[in-house]
């Protein structure tokens, strides 16, 4: 009777997240084992194929057993799986985000540039990013040059296109416009 009501899934969609915040997504069959998942991460994703790590789900943190299937571990139809490095395989402190992943994972089609993550400052200052910028990012940088303009643009996006509201205040018999530095919902 349980089999009659149970849903059948052909694929398991897994988001594999690493300790530095980078992640890889993949599709697997529900009958594949956790050992297969670990092998694929080692051989197909990591630059160091001999790296030692554990895979787990959270909350609460529960290590996945390598002899069980993805379905038995409750990862069907989709789940987020975390990778924690074992002490001897931990990347060094100054390692850039995602540098332990194979570069070919970031290419999309033949002839296109690699799609590495690129940090863009929201308000003031420049990042120490060594990645390439796309044409749309260069256009955005030229259109918003000052910190005040970037902050105003960010506020417009946060406020649904309205930006900061201005209020008229009567100061000394004259009307002056004063900007409200806080969003309406912030008290």
C-alpha atoms as a PDB file:
ATOM      1  CA  UNK A   1       0.000   0.000   0.000  1.00  0.00           C
ATOM      2  CA  UNK A   2       2.902   2.340   0.747  1.00  0.00           C
ATOM      3  CA  UNK A   3       4.333   1.680  -2.716  1.00  0.00           C
ATOM      4  CA  UNK A   4       1.046   2.750  -4.316  1.00  0.00           C
ATOM      5  CA  UNK A   5       1.107   6.188  -2.700  1.00  0.00           C
ATOM      6  CA  UNK A   6       4.875   6.723  -2.906  1.00  0.00           C
ATOM      7  CA  UNK A   7       6.115   9.126  -5.590  1.00  0.00           C
ATOM      8  CA  UNK A   8       8.762   7.875  -7.994  1.00  0.00           C
ATOM      9  CA  UNK A   9      11.561  10.209  -9.035  1.00  0.00           C
ATOM     10  CA  UNK A  10      13.963   9.517 -11.895  1.00  0.00           C
ATOM     11  CA  UNK A  11      16.569  12.050 -10.789  1.00  0.00           C
ATOM     12  CA  UNK A  12      17.956  13.554  -7.613  1.00  0.00           C
ATOM     13  CA  UNK A  13      19.064  17.171  -7.862  1.00  0.00           C
ATOM     14  CA  UNK A  14      21.943  17.861  -5.473  1.00  0.00           C
ATOM     15  CA  UNK A  15      23.583  21.148  -4.621  1.00  0.00           C
ATOM     16  CA  UNK A  16      27.039  20.343  -3.260  1.00  0.00           C
ATOM     17  CA  UNK A  17      28.272  23.230  -1.114  1.00  0.00           C
ATOM     18  CA  UNK A  18      31.877  23.648  -0.004  1.00  0.00           C
ATOM     19  CA  UNK A  19      33.122  25.358   3.155  1.00  0.00           C
ATOM     20  CA  UNK A  20      34.146  28.561   1.336  1.00  0.00           C
ATOM     21  CA  UNK A  21      30.632  29.078  -0.068  1.00  0.00           C
ATOM     22  CA  UNK A  22      31.266  27.809  -3.596  1.00  0.00           C
ATOM     23  CA  UNK A  23      28.915  25.120  -4.848  1.00  0.00           C
ATOM     24  CA  UNK A  24      28.315  22.673  -7.691  1.00  0.00           C
ATOM     25  CA  UNK A  25      24.955  21.311  -8.803  1.00  0.00           C
ATOM     26  CA  UNK A  26      24.356  17.930 -10.348  1.00  0.00           C
ATOM     27  CA  UNK A  27      21.740  15.329 -11.171  1.00  0.00           C
ATOM     28  CA  UNK A  28      22.025  11.760  -9.975  1.00  0.00           C
ATOM     29  CA  UNK A  29      19.865   8.645  -9.977  1.00  0.00           C
ATOM     30  CA  UNK A  30      18.092   7.837  -6.686  1.00  0.00           C
ATOM     31  CA  UNK A  31      19.597   4.334  -6.576  1.00  0.00           C
ATOM     32  CA  UNK A  32      23.208   5.617  -6.710  1.00  0.00           C
ATOM     33  CA  UNK A  33      25.191   5.337  -3.495  1.00  0.00           C
ATOM     34  CA  UNK A  34      26.811   8.081  -1.456  1.00  0.00           C
ATOM     35  CA  UNK A  35      30.166   6.463  -2.321  1.00  0.00           C
ATOM     36  CA  UNK A  36      29.433   7.217  -5.996  1.00  0.00           C
ATOM     37  CA  UNK A  37      28.697  10.848  -5.087  1.00  0.00           C
ATOM     38  CA  UNK A  38      32.006  11.125  -3.188  1.00  0.00           C
ATOM     39  CA  UNK A  39      33.912   9.540  -6.094  1.00  0.00           C
ATOM     40  CA  UNK A  40      32.362  11.952  -8.603  1.00  0.00           C
ATOM     41  CA  UNK A  41      33.228  14.943  -6.414  1.00  0.00           C
ATOM     42  CA  UNK A  42      36.833  13.723  -6.122  1.00  0.00           C
ATOM     43  CA  UNK A  43      37.378  12.799  -9.762  1.00  0.00           C
ATOM     44  CA  UNK A  44      35.218  15.271 -11.677  1.00  0.00           C
ATOM     45  CA  UNK A  45      35.108  18.398  -9.512  1.00  0.00           C
ATOM     46  CA  UNK A  46      38.282  18.753  -7.461  1.00  0.00           C
ATOM     47  CA  UNK A  47      41.738  19.777  -8.649  1.00  0.00           C
ATOM     48  CA  UNK A  48      43.234  17.471  -5.984  1.00  0.00           C
ATOM     49  CA  UNK A  49      41.733  14.008  -6.573  1.00  0.00           C
ATOM     50  CA  UNK A  50      43.309  12.658  -3.384  1.00  0.00           C
ATOM     51  CA  UNK A  51      41.602  15.241  -1.122  1.00  0.00           C
ATOM     52  CA  UNK A  52      39.873  13.767   1.913  1.00  0.00           C
ATOM     53  CA  UNK A  53      36.451  15.083   2.939  1.00  0.00           C
ATOM     54  CA  UNK A  54      33.139  14.153   4.501  1.00  0.00           C
ATOM     55  CA  UNK A  55      29.703  14.794   3.033  1.00  0.00           C
ATOM     56  CA  UNK A  56      26.804  15.658   5.292  1.00  0.00           C
ATOM     57  CA  UNK A  57      23.367  17.246   5.420  1.00  0.00           C
ATOM     58  CA  UNK A  58      22.185  19.804   7.932  1.00  0.00           C
ATOM     59  CA  UNK A  59      20.383  20.722  10.179  1.00  0.00           C
ATOM     60  CA  UNK A  60      21.083  18.756  12.284  1.00  0.00           C
ATOM     61  CA  UNK A  61      24.469  17.769  10.949  1.00  0.00           C
ATOM     62  CA  UNK A  62      24.304  14.152   9.818  1.00  0.00           C
ATOM     63  CA  UNK A  63      27.163  12.435   7.997  1.00  0.00           C
ATOM     64  CA  UNK A  64      26.044  10.455   4.980  1.00  0.00           C
ATOM     65  CA  UNK A  65      26.926   6.760   5.047  1.00  0.00           C
ATOM     66  CA  UNK A  66      28.806   5.674   1.932  1.00  0.00           C
ATOM     67  CA  UNK A  67      27.044   2.306   1.591  1.00  0.00           C
ATOM     68  CA  UNK A  68      23.494   3.788   1.474  1.00  0.00           C
ATOM     69  CA  UNK A  69      21.701   5.040  -1.624  1.00  0.00           C
ATOM     70  CA  UNK A  70      20.683   8.656  -2.106  1.00  0.00           C
ATOM     71  CA  UNK A  71      17.054   7.613  -1.656  1.00  0.00           C
ATOM     72  CA  UNK A  72      17.812   5.804   1.617  1.00  0.00           C
ATOM     73  CA  UNK A  73      19.575   8.922   2.902  1.00  0.00           C
ATOM     74  CA  UNK A  74      16.460  11.004   2.197  1.00  0.00           C
ATOM     75  CA  UNK A  75      18.011  13.153  -0.549  1.00  0.00           C
ATOM     76  CA  UNK A  76      15.192  12.542  -3.059  1.00  0.00           C
ATOM     77  CA  UNK A  77      13.971  14.618  -4.989  1.00  0.00           C
ATOM     78  CA  UNK A  78      16.425  17.422  -4.134  1.00  0.00           C
ATOM     79  CA  UNK A  79      18.842  18.289  -1.345  1.00  0.00           C
ATOM     80  CA  UNK A  80      21.769  20.421  -0.311  1.00  0.00           C
ATOM     81  CA  UNK A  81      24.844  18.395   0.591  1.00  0.00           C
ATOM     82  CA  UNK A  82      27.775  19.976   2.408  1.00  0.00           C
ATOM     83  CA  UNK A  83      31.443  19.064   2.025  1.00  0.00           C
ATOM     84  CA  UNK A  84      33.762  19.405   5.016  1.00  0.00           C
ATOM     85  CA  UNK A  85      37.477  18.941   4.525  1.00  0.00           C
ATOM     86  CA  UNK A  86      39.371  16.561   6.731  1.00  0.00           C
ATOM     87  CA  UNK A  87      42.237  18.215   8.581  1.00  0.00           C
ATOM     88  CA  UNK A  88      45.031  17.014   6.290  1.00  0.00           C
ATOM     89  CA  UNK A  89      43.138  18.128   3.123  1.00  0.00           C
ATOM     90  CA  UNK A  90      42.044  21.603   4.195  1.00  0.00           C
ATOM     91  CA  UNK A  91      42.899  24.293   1.612  1.00  0.00           C
ATOM     92  CA  UNK A  92      45.381  26.883   2.869  1.00  0.00           C
ATOM     93  CA  UNK A  93      44.152  30.134   4.463  1.00  0.00           C
ATOM     94  CA  UNK A  94      44.855  32.458   1.514  1.00  0.00           C
ATOM     95  CA  UNK A  95      43.315  30.197  -1.136  1.00  0.00           C
ATOM     96  CA  UNK A  96      40.825  32.068  -3.381  1.00  0.00           C
ATOM     97  CA  UNK A  97      37.183  30.963  -3.347  1.00  0.00           C
ATOM     98  CA  UNK A  98      36.585  27.944  -5.559  1.00  0.00           C
ATOM     99  CA  UNK A  99      40.240  27.506  -6.501  1.00  0.00           C
ATOM    100  CA  UNK A 100      40.083  23.804  -5.608  1.00  0.00           C
ATOM    101  CA  UNK A 101      37.433  23.234  -8.304  1.00  0.00           C
ATOM    102  CA  UNK A 102      38.477  22.296 -11.840  1.00  0.00           C
ATOM    103  CA  UNK A 103      38.491  25.318 -14.186  1.00  0.00           C
ATOM    104  CA  UNK A 104      36.569  23.450 -16.879  1.00  0.00           C
ATOM    105  CA  UNK A 105      33.509  23.489 -14.603  1.00  0.00           C
ATOM    106  CA  UNK A 106      33.282  27.250 -15.177  1.00  0.00           C
ATOM    107  CA  UNK A 107      33.299  27.195 -18.983  1.00  0.00           C
ATOM    108  CA  UNK A 108      29.952  27.232 -20.727  1.00  0.00           C
ATOM    109  CA  UNK A 109      30.542  26.741 -24.466  1.00  0.00           C
ATOM    110  CA  UNK A 110      33.530  26.488 -26.720  1.00  0.00           C
ATOM    111  CA  UNK A 111      35.068  29.898 -27.327  1.00  0.00           C
ATOM    112  CA  UNK A 112      33.380  31.664 -24.386  1.00  0.00           C
ATOM    113  CA  UNK A 113      35.339  33.056 -21.478  1.00  0.00           C
ATOM    114  CA  UNK A 114      35.400  31.289 -18.139  1.00  0.00           C
ATOM    115  CA  UNK A 115      32.618  32.201 -15.728  1.00  0.00           C
ATOM    116  CA  UNK A 116      34.499  32.580 -12.456  1.00  0.00           C
ATOM    117  CA  UNK A 117      32.725  34.492  -9.689  1.00  0.00           C
ATOM    118  CA  UNK A 118      33.408  38.213  -9.694  1.00  0.00           C
ATOM    119  CA  UNK A 119      32.978  40.380  -6.595  1.00  0.00           C
ATOM    120  CA  UNK A 120      31.490  43.817  -7.203  1.00  0.00           C
ATOM    121  CA  UNK A 121      31.361  46.373  -4.377  1.00  0.00           C
ATOM    122  CA  UNK A 122      27.887  47.619  -3.495  1.00  0.00           C
ATOM    123  CA  UNK A 123      28.925  50.799  -1.721  1.00  0.00           C
ATOM    124  CA  UNK A 124      32.339  52.482  -1.950  1.00  0.00           C
ATOM    125  CA  UNK A 125      35.780  50.967  -2.373  1.00  0.00           C
ATOM    126  CA  UNK A 126      37.154  48.562  -4.902  1.00  0.00           C
ATOM    127  CA  UNK A 127      37.632  44.821  -4.509  1.00  0.00           C
ATOM    128  CA  UNK A 128      40.947  43.067  -4.965  1.00  0.00           C
ATOM    129  CA  UNK A 129      39.472  40.865  -7.676  1.00  0.00           C
ATOM    130  CA  UNK A 130      41.753  39.582 -10.413  1.00  0.00           C
ATOM    131  CA  UNK A 131      38.960  38.144 -12.532  1.00  0.00           C
ATOM    132  CA  UNK A 132      37.849  39.538 -15.860  1.00  0.00           C
ATOM    133  CA  UNK A 133      34.796  41.770 -16.145  1.00  0.00           C
ATOM    134  CA  UNK A 134      32.078  41.409 -18.730  1.00  0.00           C
ATOM    135  CA  UNK A 135      30.855  44.202 -21.016  1.00  0.00           C
ATOM    136  CA  UNK A 136      27.653  44.668 -18.990  1.00  0.00           C
ATOM    137  CA  UNK A 137      29.693  45.107 -15.793  1.00  0.00           C
ATOM    138  CA  UNK A 138      31.862  47.742 -17.516  1.00  0.00           C
ATOM    139  CA  UNK A 139      28.717  49.598 -18.609  1.00  0.00           C
ATOM    140  CA  UNK A 140      27.399  49.479 -15.035  1.00  0.00           C
ATOM    141  CA  UNK A 141      30.676  50.866 -13.679  1.00  0.00           C
ATOM    142  CA  UNK A 142      30.683  53.769 -16.141  1.00  0.00           C
ATOM    143  CA  UNK A 143      27.041  54.659 -15.460  1.00  0.00           C
ATOM    144  CA  UNK A 144      27.469  54.714 -11.660  1.00  0.00           C
ATOM    145  CA  UNK A 145      30.779  56.302 -10.875  1.00  0.00           C
ATOM    146  CA  UNK A 146      30.502  57.851  -7.430  1.00  0.00           C
ATOM    147  CA  UNK A 147      29.797  56.134  -4.143  1.00  0.00           C
ATOM    148  CA  UNK A 148      26.666  58.245  -3.625  1.00  0.00           C
ATOM    149  CA  UNK A 149      25.272  57.215  -7.012  1.00  0.00           C
ATOM    150  CA  UNK A 150      26.011  53.551  -6.330  1.00  0.00           C
ATOM    151  CA  UNK A 151      24.329  53.814  -2.938  1.00  0.00           C
ATOM    152  CA  UNK A 152      21.289  55.550  -4.472  1.00  0.00           C
ATOM    153  CA  UNK A 153      21.063  52.844  -7.150  1.00  0.00           C
ATOM    154  CA  UNK A 154      21.199  50.140  -4.485  1.00  0.00           C
ATOM    155  CA  UNK A 155      18.461  51.885  -2.480  1.00  0.00           C
ATOM    156  CA  UNK A 156      16.279  52.078  -5.602  1.00  0.00           C
ATOM    157  CA  UNK A 157      16.636  48.331  -6.106  1.00  0.00           C
ATOM    158  CA  UNK A 158      15.887  47.660  -2.443  1.00  0.00           C
ATOM    159  CA  UNK A 159      12.866  49.970  -2.373  1.00  0.00           C
ATOM    160  CA  UNK A 160      11.301  48.630  -5.560  1.00  0.00           C
ATOM    161  CA  UNK A 161      12.500  51.384  -7.889  1.00  0.00           C
ATOM    162  CA  UNK A 162      11.501  54.335  -5.711  1.00  0.00           C
ATOM    163  CA  UNK A 163      14.825  55.172  -4.088  1.00  0.00           C
ATOM    164  CA  UNK A 164      14.899  57.338  -0.993  1.00  0.00           C
ATOM    165  CA  UNK A 165      11.843  59.412  -0.235  1.00  0.00           C
ATOM    166  CA  UNK A 166      12.275  63.102   0.367  1.00  0.00           C
ATOM    167  CA  UNK A 167      10.265  65.028   2.925  1.00  0.00           C
ATOM    168  CA  UNK A 168       9.656  68.742   2.970  1.00  0.00           C
ATOM    169  CA  UNK A 169      10.450  70.416   6.286  1.00  0.00           C
ATOM    170  CA  UNK A 170       9.627  73.920   7.329  1.00  0.00           C
ATOM    171  CA  UNK A 171      12.846  75.368   8.728  1.00  0.00           C
ATOM    172  CA  UNK A 172      12.926  79.029   9.770  1.00  0.00           C
ATOM    173  CA  UNK A 173       9.897  79.966   7.633  1.00  0.00           C
ATOM    174  CA  UNK A 174      11.292  78.379   4.422  1.00  0.00           C
ATOM    175  CA  UNK A 175      10.617  74.984   2.973  1.00  0.00           C
ATOM    176  CA  UNK A 176      13.638  72.718   2.592  1.00  0.00           C
ATOM    177  CA  UNK A 177      13.832  69.193   1.290  1.00  0.00           C
ATOM    178  CA  UNK A 178      15.544  66.714   3.574  1.00  0.00           C
ATOM    179  CA  UNK A 179      16.386  63.166   2.613  1.00  0.00           C
ATOM    180  CA  UNK A 180      15.372  60.339   4.847  1.00  0.00           C
ATOM    181  CA  UNK A 181      18.504  58.236   5.268  1.00  0.00           C
ATOM    182  CA  UNK A 182      16.574  55.179   6.440  1.00  0.00           C
ATOM    183  CA  UNK A 183      14.104  52.986   4.564  1.00  0.00           C
ATOM    184  CA  UNK A 184      10.476  53.425   5.588  1.00  0.00           C
ATOM    185  CA  UNK A 185      10.363  50.006   7.264  1.00  0.00           C
ATOM    186  CA  UNK A 186      13.510  50.676   9.365  1.00  0.00           C
ATOM    187  CA  UNK A 187      12.728  52.128  12.809  1.00  0.00           C
END
